[in-house]
Amino acid sequence: MLSDIIYLIIAIISFSLLIYVFKPLIKRYFFKLKLENEFLDFLSILLTLEASGLRLDNVFEEAFNRRLVLPSSYNVLARDYIFLSKINPDPYTCLRKLADRIPSDRVREFFRGYSEVLISTNDTLRYVESFLRDEFNSLKNRINSYIGFLDNLFEAYMILLLGIVVYSILPFTFFPPYLVLFFIIGLSIASFLVALKLLSLAMVTYDNIVFTATLALLAGSPVIVLLGDMFWVVHLIIVLLIGLVLLFMTRYIVSVENKFIILLEDLYSETRQGVSIDYALIRVGDRYGDPVSRIVDLLKLGLKPIEIVKSLKLPVLSSRVLSLTLAPIEYSRGGGGYLGYVLGIVEGIKGLRRTLEERGRIYYLYVLFLLIVVYVMYRLFSRVDGSMFMFNVDGLFIKNIAYISLFESIVIAGVVSRGYWFRSMVGYLLLLLSSIMIFFFF
């Protein structure tokens, strides 16, 4: 018992040290992802403002003074630019130095190119327009590479999980139960957190309740199941109840997202007829009810776009649509072409979500494959004479570990493919099938 606790403490300390050492690299990598994910948004806003006579340095000044809504990662760049401009006010020098700090090659290339255009042709509008067109053309390739990265994440998770489970089944090895639980919980939580970061491009909304409930299930399920022989039944009931509650709570998120997407399409139609964005929003907004009607009321009161965005708590995708829609209204009376770009961005996000849902079917096949492998391994080694080895095969422990592993992998598969594990009927059916097979046929 003492040695098990020592092993567990060593594992926790080692894991904490790894996180501490690699935290700066991880933080920089995710900032790079965020810059690239929001690059289209930034270019769309910049193009409209360039047409109104504002240059990149003016845009950063407006954003820093909280008069302009920019994507959050580019607000960070705006702050850095203002800091550099206080040392040297030359826009060319500041943009070059700012580019050196940017972790994304694509974004860095844009800033360097922009600085060169400033001192050569000075036709920054055409430069931004050509870069935006290239970004839209490469959007499909970026989505494919992004999906490939999520595929690799889930496959790596399943390989590591399978290795832990198989190693704990082998009768000629001894893996302390505490370590098995620690590795499964740690692996699942790490995969969940990484998946959430990567799902930022899909604009998935995870409020505190959904996040805490999912994290609690991943961390607490092993403890619940190992309490006794039939506690897996209690666990199934708990999972079902939590899933239903979360499903009911997130219906509002889905409803608001759909409402804002339809609103964007209506605004695009209005602005193509020469109507300004703010007037079009006032004209069509009331038909959508809350929260769009509240936005219209705030516009009529004269609030600035950044004040409106911050005063409303919206799902991530809806907030992004609202921020992009309102961004240029103080600087430009037009908007048809700009909202066309915004609509293209939203269509890309919708396409990504559809593709991830299709990939989810393959992820659930991986989970089914894990169930089959564990079943075969258990049947094979349960017939081995325990006297040949130092330890016998603990049938109940193996059943519990198999169930825990399958549950955690089903949750991770749901998160990676849909963002929400509790919105997949296939996941519930697979969990029920796994439970019946493990506890009645093993």
Protein backbone atom coordinates (compact mmCIF):
# COMPACT_ATOMS: atom_id res chain seq x y z
CA MET A 1 0.00 0.00 0.00
CA LEU A 2 2.80 2.42 0.92
CA SER A 3 4.66 1.66 -2.30
CA ASP A 4 1.48 2.32 -4.31
CA ILE A 5 1.11 5.74 -2.70
CA ILE A 6 4.78 6.52 -3.40
CA TYR A 7 4.32 5.56 -7.06
CA LEU A 8 1.24 7.77 -7.27
CA ILE A 9 3.04 10.75 -5.70
CA ILE A 10 5.98 10.32 -8.10
CA ALA A 11 3.60 10.17 -11.07
CA ILE A 12 1.76 13.33 -9.97
CA ILE A 13 5.00 15.25 -9.38
CA SER A 14 6.41 14.15 -12.75
CA PHE A 15 3.22 15.17 -14.54
CA SER A 16 3.20 18.58 -12.81
CA LEU A 17 6.85 19.21 -13.73
CA LEU A 18 6.17 18.37 -17.38
CA ILE A 19 3.28 20.85 -17.45
CA TYR A 20 5.44 23.55 -15.82
CA VAL A 21 8.33 23.03 -18.27
CA PHE A 22 6.21 22.95 -21.42
CA LYS A 23 3.61 25.57 -20.37
CA PRO A 24 5.28 28.52 -22.24
CA LEU A 25 5.56 26.47 -25.44
CA ILE A 26 1.96 25.27 -25.14
CA LYS A 27 0.73 28.81 -24.48
CA ARG A 28 2.61 30.16 -27.52
CA TYR A 29 1.27 27.34 -29.72
CA PHE A 30 -2.35 27.99 -28.76
CA PHE A 31 -1.86 31.74 -29.29
CA LYS A 32 -0.59 30.89 -32.78
CA LEU A 33 -3.72 28.80 -33.42
CA LYS A 34 -5.95 31.63 -32.22
CA LEU A 35 -4.20 34.16 -34.48
CA GLU A 36 -4.70 31.89 -37.48
CA ASN A 37 -8.30 31.06 -36.59
CA GLU A 38 -9.21 34.75 -36.31
CA PHE A 39 -7.10 35.92 -39.27
CA LEU A 40 -10.03 35.94 -41.70
CA ASP A 41 -12.09 38.01 -39.25
CA PHE A 42 -9.27 40.50 -38.87
CA LEU A 43 -8.65 40.81 -42.61
CA SER A 44 -12.37 41.30 -43.32
CA ILE A 45 -12.59 44.15 -40.79
CA LEU A 46 -9.31 45.67 -41.98
CA LEU A 47 -10.41 45.64 -45.63
CA THR A 48 -13.58 47.59 -44.85
CA LEU A 49 -11.69 50.11 -42.73
CA GLU A 50 -8.98 50.48 -45.39
CA ALA A 51 -11.72 51.40 -47.87
CA SER A 52 -12.79 54.11 -45.39
CA GLY A 53 -9.27 55.55 -45.25
CA LEU A 54 -7.90 53.91 -42.09
CA ARG A 55 -4.54 52.15 -42.16
CA LEU A 56 -3.38 49.28 -39.99
CA ASP A 57 -1.68 51.58 -37.47
CA ASN A 58 -4.92 53.61 -37.15
CA VAL A 59 -6.92 50.41 -36.68
CA PHE A 60 -4.65 49.30 -33.84
CA GLU A 61 -4.96 52.72 -32.19
CA GLU A 62 -8.76 52.58 -32.42
CA ALA A 63 -8.81 49.05 -30.97
CA PHE A 64 -6.40 49.98 -28.15
CA ASN A 65 -8.60 52.95 -27.20
CA ARG A 66 -11.65 50.61 -27.14
CA ARG A 67 -13.41 52.32 -30.02
CA LEU A 68 -13.22 49.32 -32.36
CA VAL A 69 -14.08 45.63 -31.94
CA LEU A 70 -11.25 43.35 -33.06
CA PRO A 71 -10.80 39.58 -32.51
CA SER A 72 -9.24 39.02 -29.07
CA SER A 73 -5.86 37.79 -30.33
CA TYR A 74 -5.48 40.91 -32.49
CA ASN A 75 -6.31 43.11 -29.51
CA VAL A 76 -3.13 41.65 -28.01
CA LEU A 77 -1.22 42.67 -31.14
CA ALA A 78 -2.80 46.14 -30.96
CA ARG A 79 -1.55 46.54 -27.41
CA ASP A 80 1.96 45.43 -28.42
CA TYR A 81 1.92 47.79 -31.40
CA ILE A 82 1.00 50.79 -29.23
CA PHE A 83 3.81 49.88 -26.83
CA LEU A 84 6.30 49.76 -29.73
CA SER A 85 4.98 53.01 -31.22
CA LYS A 86 5.77 54.86 -28.00
CA ILE A 87 9.42 53.91 -28.48
CA ASN A 88 9.50 54.58 -32.23
CA PRO A 89 6.44 56.21 -33.90
CA ASP A 90 7.41 55.08 -37.42
CA PRO A 91 4.66 52.61 -38.60
CA TYR A 92 7.08 50.70 -40.84
CA THR A 93 9.53 50.01 -38.00
CA CYS A 94 6.77 49.16 -35.51
CA LEU A 95 5.08 46.69 -37.88
CA ARG A 96 8.40 44.98 -38.64
CA LYS A 97 9.20 44.60 -34.94
CA LEU A 98 5.66 43.44 -34.21
CA ALA A 99 5.94 40.82 -36.97
CA ASP A 100 9.03 39.38 -35.28
CA ARG A 101 6.91 38.66 -32.17
CA ILE A 102 4.14 36.83 -34.03
CA PRO A 103 4.33 32.99 -33.77
CA SER A 104 2.25 32.31 -36.90
CA ASP A 105 4.21 32.29 -40.18
CA ARG A 106 1.16 33.29 -42.22
CA VAL A 107 0.23 36.26 -40.03
CA ARG A 108 3.87 37.31 -39.75
CA GLU A 109 4.16 37.28 -43.54
CA PHE A 110 1.12 39.56 -43.83
CA PHE A 111 2.48 42.16 -41.40
CA ARG A 112 5.89 42.23 -43.04
CA GLY A 113 4.33 42.55 -46.48
CA TYR A 114 2.05 45.34 -45.27
CA SER A 115 5.02 47.31 -43.92
CA GLU A 116 6.80 46.97 -47.28
CA VAL A 117 3.72 48.20 -49.16
CA LEU A 118 3.56 51.22 -46.85
CA ILE A 119 6.96 52.49 -48.03
CA SER A 120 6.63 51.41 -51.68
CA THR A 121 3.31 51.62 -53.57
CA ASN A 122 1.26 52.63 -50.49
CA ASP A 123 -1.67 50.67 -51.99
CA THR A 124 -2.47 48.81 -48.78
CA LEU A 125 -6.13 48.36 -49.74
CA ARG A 126 -5.28 46.17 -52.72
CA TYR A 127 -2.70 44.27 -50.65
CA VAL A 128 -5.25 43.44 -47.91
CA GLU A 129 -7.85 42.47 -50.51
CA SER A 130 -5.48 40.05 -52.27
CA PHE A 131 -4.40 38.52 -48.96
CA LEU A 132 -8.03 38.08 -47.90
CA ARG A 133 -8.84 36.38 -51.20
CA ASP A 134 -5.89 33.99 -50.73
CA GLU A 135 -7.05 33.18 -47.20
CA PHE A 136 -10.52 32.26 -48.41
CA ASN A 137 -9.03 30.06 -51.13
CA SER A 138 -6.88 28.23 -48.57
CA LEU A 139 -9.69 27.92 -46.00
CA LYS A 140 -10.65 24.41 -47.14
CA ASN A 141 -7.04 23.18 -46.87
CA ARG A 142 -6.75 24.67 -43.38
CA ILE A 143 -9.96 22.94 -42.30
CA ASN A 144 -8.70 19.61 -43.65
CA SER A 145 -5.38 19.94 -41.81
CA TYR A 146 -7.27 20.96 -38.67
CA ILE A 147 -9.49 17.86 -38.90
CA GLY A 148 -6.38 15.74 -39.45
CA PHE A 149 -4.89 17.15 -36.26
CA LEU A 150 -8.03 16.24 -34.30
CA ASP A 151 -7.91 12.75 -35.85
CA ASN A 152 -4.32 12.37 -34.65
CA LEU A 153 -5.28 13.56 -31.18
CA PHE A 154 -8.06 10.99 -30.82
CA GLU A 155 -6.00 8.17 -32.32
CA ALA A 156 -3.11 8.94 -29.94
CA TYR A 157 -5.56 8.98 -27.03
CA MET A 158 -7.01 5.59 -28.02
CA ILE A 159 -3.56 4.01 -28.49
CA LEU A 160 -2.37 5.18 -25.06
CA LEU A 161 -5.64 4.14 -23.42
CA LEU A 162 -5.52 0.70 -25.05
CA GLY A 163 -1.92 0.28 -23.89
CA ILE A 164 -2.84 1.08 -20.28
CA VAL A 165 -5.85 -1.27 -20.28
CA VAL A 166 -4.04 -4.18 -21.96
CA TYR A 167 -1.04 -3.84 -19.66
CA SER A 168 -3.31 -3.92 -16.60
CA ILE A 169 -4.95 -7.13 -17.90
CA LEU A 170 -1.73 -9.09 -18.33
CA PRO A 171 -1.40 -11.64 -15.49
CA PHE A 172 2.40 -11.57 -15.42
CA THR A 173 2.55 -7.84 -14.73
CA PHE A 174 1.38 -5.84 -11.76
CA PHE A 175 0.09 -2.34 -12.33
CA PRO A 176 -1.10 -0.80 -9.01
CA PRO A 177 -4.81 0.17 -9.24
CA TYR A 178 -4.03 3.71 -8.10
CA LEU A 179 -1.63 4.21 -10.99
CA VAL A 180 -4.08 2.72 -13.50
CA LEU A 181 -6.77 5.14 -12.34
CA PHE A 182 -4.35 8.08 -12.31
CA PHE A 183 -3.15 7.42 -15.86
CA ILE A 184 -6.67 6.96 -17.25
CA ILE A 185 -8.02 10.08 -15.53
CA GLY A 186 -4.94 12.16 -16.41
CA LEU A 187 -4.97 11.02 -20.04
CA SER A 188 -8.70 11.71 -20.45
CA ILE A 189 -8.60 15.15 -18.81
CA ALA A 190 -5.53 16.19 -20.82
CA SER A 191 -7.17 15.04 -24.07
CA PHE A 192 -10.39 16.85 -23.14
CA LEU A 193 -8.60 20.15 -22.45
CA VAL A 194 -6.51 19.93 -25.63
CA ALA A 195 -9.61 19.09 -27.69
CA LEU A 196 -11.43 22.14 -26.29
CA LYS A 197 -8.53 24.39 -27.28
CA LEU A 198 -8.45 22.91 -30.76
CA LEU A 199 -12.23 23.23 -31.12
CA SER A 200 -11.92 27.03 -30.97
CA LEU A 201 -12.06 27.12 -34.78
CA ALA A 202 -15.44 25.35 -34.66
CA MET A 203 -16.74 28.04 -32.27
CA VAL A 204 -18.06 25.58 -29.67
CA THR A 205 -19.55 27.23 -26.57
CA TYR A 206 -18.52 25.64 -23.27
CA ASP A 207 -19.96 27.52 -20.31
CA ASN A 208 -18.78 26.85 -16.75
CA ILE A 209 -21.56 24.37 -15.94
CA VAL A 210 -20.99 22.18 -19.02
CA PHE A 211 -17.21 22.33 -18.56
CA THR A 212 -17.36 21.49 -14.84
CA ALA A 213 -19.87 18.65 -15.32
CA THR A 214 -17.78 17.05 -18.09
CA LEU A 215 -14.57 17.42 -16.11
CA ALA A 216 -16.23 15.98 -12.98
CA LEU A 217 -17.47 12.93 -14.91
CA LEU A 218 -14.03 12.27 -16.41
CA ALA A 219 -12.33 12.58 -13.02
CA GLY A 220 -15.02 11.04 -10.81
CA SER A 221 -16.35 8.13 -12.86
CA PRO A 222 -13.47 5.75 -11.99
CA VAL A 223 -14.05 6.37 -8.27
CA ILE A 224 -17.81 5.72 -8.58
CA VAL A 225 -17.42 2.50 -10.56
CA LEU A 226 -14.76 1.03 -8.28
CA LEU A 227 -16.93 1.45 -5.17
CA GLY A 228 -18.63 -1.91 -5.67
CA ASP A 229 -19.92 -4.65 -7.95
CA MET A 230 -23.08 -2.92 -9.20
CA PHE A 231 -22.03 0.71 -8.99
CA TRP A 232 -21.73 0.84 -12.77
CA VAL A 233 -25.55 0.87 -12.82
CA VAL A 234 -25.52 3.92 -10.54
CA HIS A 235 -22.94 5.48 -12.82
CA LEU A 236 -25.08 4.89 -15.91
CA ILE A 237 -28.06 6.57 -14.25
CA ILE A 238 -25.91 9.54 -13.19
CA VAL A 239 -24.49 9.92 -16.71
CA LEU A 240 -27.97 9.78 -18.25
CA LEU A 241 -29.38 12.39 -15.84
CA ILE A 242 -26.43 14.76 -16.27
CA GLY A 243 -26.58 14.31 -20.04
CA LEU A 244 -30.29 15.16 -20.17
CA VAL A 245 -29.83 18.26 -17.98
CA LEU A 246 -26.92 19.52 -20.10
CA LEU A 247 -28.83 18.76 -23.31
CA PHE A 248 -31.74 20.87 -22.10
CA MET A 249 -29.40 23.70 -21.04
CA THR A 250 -27.59 23.85 -24.39
CA ARG A 251 -30.78 23.99 -26.47
CA TYR A 252 -30.71 27.75 -25.91
CA ILE A 253 -27.18 27.95 -27.34
CA VAL A 254 -28.17 26.10 -30.51
CA SER A 255 -31.30 28.24 -30.89
CA VAL A 256 -29.41 31.54 -30.54
CA GLU A 257 -26.68 30.42 -32.95
CA ASN A 258 -29.23 29.53 -35.62
CA LYS A 259 -31.02 32.84 -35.05
CA PHE A 260 -27.83 34.87 -35.61
CA ILE A 261 -26.87 32.93 -38.73
CA ILE A 262 -30.30 33.64 -40.29
CA LEU A 263 -30.00 37.28 -39.15
CA LEU A 264 -26.63 37.58 -40.91
CA GLU A 265 -28.15 36.28 -44.14
CA ASP A 266 -30.99 38.83 -43.88
CA LEU A 267 -28.56 41.67 -43.20
CA TYR A 268 -26.47 40.63 -46.19
CA SER A 269 -29.56 40.82 -48.41
CA GLU A 270 -30.47 44.26 -47.03
CA THR A 271 -26.98 45.75 -47.41
CA ARG A 272 -26.70 44.53 -50.99
CA GLN A 273 -29.59 46.89 -51.74
CA GLY A 274 -27.55 49.85 -50.45
CA VAL A 275 -28.80 49.93 -46.84
CA SER A 276 -26.17 50.50 -44.12
CA ILE A 277 -25.53 47.71 -41.62
CA ASP A 278 -26.87 49.56 -38.56
CA TYR A 279 -30.06 50.68 -40.33
CA ALA A 280 -30.61 47.17 -41.74
CA LEU A 281 -30.22 45.71 -38.25
CA ILE A 282 -32.76 48.15 -36.83
CA ARG A 283 -35.11 47.37 -39.70
CA VAL A 284 -35.10 43.55 -39.44
CA GLY A 285 -33.93 42.97 -35.86
CA ASP A 286 -37.27 43.11 -34.05
CA ARG A 287 -38.64 40.09 -35.91
CA TYR A 288 -36.03 37.84 -34.24
CA GLY A 289 -36.95 38.55 -30.64
CA ASP A 290 -34.48 38.40 -27.76
CA PRO A 291 -31.45 38.88 -27.77
CA VAL A 292 -31.47 40.54 -31.23
CA SER A 293 -34.20 42.97 -30.17
CA ARG A 294 -32.01 44.04 -27.23
CA ILE A 295 -29.16 44.77 -29.66
CA VAL A 296 -31.50 46.96 -31.69
CA ASP A 297 -32.56 48.85 -28.54
CA LEU A 298 -28.92 49.44 -27.57
CA LEU A 299 -28.14 50.69 -31.08
CA LYS A 300 -31.04 53.15 -30.87
CA LEU A 301 -29.68 54.38 -27.52
CA GLY A 302 -26.40 55.24 -29.26
CA LEU A 303 -24.11 52.69 -27.63
CA LYS A 304 -20.85 51.93 -29.41
CA PRO A 305 -20.39 48.45 -30.97
CA ILE A 306 -17.77 47.41 -28.42
CA GLU A 307 -20.14 48.40 -25.58
CA ILE A 308 -22.98 46.39 -27.12
CA VAL A 309 -20.84 43.28 -27.58
CA LYS A 310 -19.56 43.42 -23.99
CA SER A 311 -23.02 44.02 -22.51
CA LEU A 312 -24.44 40.77 -23.91
CA LYS A 313 -23.51 37.24 -22.91
CA LEU A 314 -23.89 35.21 -26.10
CA PRO A 315 -22.69 31.82 -27.40
CA VAL A 316 -19.23 31.99 -28.98
CA LEU A 317 -20.42 31.77 -32.59
CA SER A 318 -23.21 34.32 -32.04
CA SER A 319 -20.79 36.69 -30.32
CA ARG A 320 -18.37 36.35 -33.22
CA VAL A 321 -21.12 37.10 -35.77
CA LEU A 322 -22.25 40.13 -33.76
CA SER A 323 -18.70 41.48 -33.31
CA LEU A 324 -17.93 41.14 -37.00
CA THR A 325 -21.27 42.64 -38.04
CA LEU A 326 -20.96 45.72 -35.84
CA ALA A 327 -17.20 46.29 -36.22
CA PRO A 328 -17.25 48.72 -39.20
CA ILE A 329 -20.53 50.60 -38.64
CA GLU A 330 -18.84 53.72 -37.19
CA TYR A 331 -16.37 53.92 -40.07
CA SER A 332 -18.23 52.77 -43.19
CA ARG A 333 -21.76 53.27 -44.52
CA GLY A 334 -21.55 50.34 -46.92
CA GLY A 335 -21.48 46.71 -45.93
CA GLY A 336 -22.69 44.34 -48.64
CA GLY A 337 -19.25 43.14 -49.68
CA TYR A 338 -18.02 43.04 -46.09
CA LEU A 339 -20.97 40.96 -44.82
CA GLY A 340 -20.37 38.64 -47.77
CA TYR A 341 -16.93 37.89 -46.30
CA VAL A 342 -18.44 37.39 -42.84
CA LEU A 343 -21.05 35.03 -44.28
CA GLY A 344 -18.25 33.07 -45.96
CA ILE A 345 -16.47 32.71 -42.61
CA VAL A 346 -19.65 31.44 -40.93
CA GLU A 347 -20.30 28.98 -43.77
CA GLY A 348 -16.77 27.65 -43.27
CA ILE A 349 -17.47 27.10 -39.56
CA LYS A 350 -20.75 25.30 -40.35
CA GLY A 351 -18.95 23.10 -42.89
CA LEU A 352 -16.28 22.25 -40.33
CA ARG A 353 -18.92 21.23 -37.79
CA ARG A 354 -20.64 18.97 -40.33
CA THR A 355 -17.33 17.30 -41.21
CA LEU A 356 -16.47 16.73 -37.55
CA GLU A 357 -19.87 15.09 -36.96
CA GLU A 358 -19.20 12.75 -39.87
CA ARG A 359 -15.77 11.92 -38.43
CA GLY A 360 -17.48 11.13 -35.13
CA ARG A 361 -18.88 7.91 -36.61
CA ILE A 362 -15.32 6.72 -37.22
CA TYR A 363 -14.31 7.68 -33.67
CA TYR A 364 -17.12 5.55 -32.26
CA LEU A 365 -15.89 2.63 -34.39
CA TYR A 366 -12.51 3.04 -32.67
CA VAL A 367 -14.29 2.77 -29.32
CA LEU A 368 -16.06 -0.40 -30.48
CA PHE A 369 -12.70 -1.79 -31.58
CA LEU A 370 -11.32 -1.06 -28.09
CA LEU A 371 -14.22 -3.03 -26.56
CA ILE A 372 -13.53 -6.02 -28.82
CA VAL A 373 -9.77 -6.01 -28.09
CA VAL A 374 -10.34 -5.83 -24.33
CA TYR A 375 -12.88 -8.66 -24.52
CA VAL A 376 -10.52 -10.92 -26.49
CA MET A 377 -7.60 -10.15 -24.13
CA TYR A 378 -9.72 -10.84 -21.08
CA ARG A 379 -11.05 -14.16 -22.41
CA LEU A 380 -7.52 -15.18 -23.38
CA PHE A 381 -5.82 -14.44 -20.07
CA SER A 382 -8.71 -15.45 -17.80
CA ARG A 383 -7.95 -19.06 -18.78
CA VAL A 384 -4.29 -18.80 -17.83
CA ASP A 385 -3.32 -20.72 -14.71
CA GLY A 386 -2.71 -18.06 -12.05
CA SER A 387 -0.23 -20.27 -10.18
CA MET A 388 2.24 -19.75 -13.03
CA PHE A 389 2.53 -16.06 -12.14
CA MET A 390 2.94 -13.90 -9.10
CA PHE A 391 -0.55 -12.40 -9.48
CA ASN A 392 -3.92 -13.81 -10.50
CA VAL A 393 -6.22 -12.10 -12.98
CA ASP A 394 -8.70 -9.99 -10.98
CA GLY A 395 -11.87 -10.35 -13.05
CA LEU A 396 -13.88 -7.62 -11.31
CA PHE A 397 -11.03 -5.10 -11.49
CA ILE A 398 -10.56 -5.77 -15.21
CA LYS A 399 -14.30 -5.37 -15.87
CA ASN A 400 -14.33 -2.06 -14.02
CA ILE A 401 -11.21 -0.78 -15.80
CA ALA A 402 -12.65 -1.82 -19.17
CA TYR A 403 -15.93 -0.02 -18.43
CA ILE A 404 -14.15 3.13 -17.22
CA SER A 405 -11.90 3.21 -20.29
CA LEU A 406 -14.81 2.80 -22.68
CA PHE A 407 -16.87 5.49 -20.94
CA GLU A 408 -14.00 7.98 -21.00
CA SER A 409 -13.24 7.23 -24.66
CA ILE A 410 -16.93 7.71 -25.59
CA VAL A 411 -16.90 11.12 -23.88
CA ILE A 412 -13.67 12.16 -25.64
CA ALA A 413 -15.05 10.93 -29.00
CA GLY A 414 -18.19 13.03 -28.47
CA VAL A 415 -16.19 16.11 -27.49
CA VAL A 416 -13.79 15.86 -30.45
CA SER A 417 -16.54 15.24 -33.01
CA ARG A 418 -19.43 17.39 -31.75
CA GLY A 419 -18.02 19.53 -28.96
CA TYR A 420 -20.68 18.08 -26.64
CA TRP A 421 -20.58 14.40 -25.64
CA PHE A 422 -24.20 14.46 -24.42
CA ARG A 423 -25.71 15.36 -27.81
CA SER A 424 -24.87 12.01 -29.42
CA MET A 425 -27.44 9.21 -29.28
CA VAL A 426 -24.80 6.85 -30.69
CA GLY A 427 -22.63 7.56 -27.64
CA TYR A 428 -25.42 6.60 -25.22
CA LEU A 429 -26.20 3.39 -27.14
CA LEU A 430 -22.52 2.45 -27.29
CA LEU A 431 -22.14 3.01 -23.55
CA LEU A 432 -25.17 0.80 -22.85
CA LEU A 433 -23.86 -1.90 -25.21
CA SER A 434 -20.43 -1.77 -23.56
CA SER A 435 -21.96 -2.08 -20.09
CA ILE A 436 -24.05 -5.12 -21.02
CA MET A 437 -21.15 -6.84 -22.77
CA ILE A 438 -18.61 -6.17 -20.00
CA PHE A 439 -20.69 -7.07 -16.96
CA PHE A 440 -22.73 -9.94 -18.43
CA PHE A 441 -20.54 -11.58 -21.09
CA PHE A 442 -16.98 -11.09 -19.82
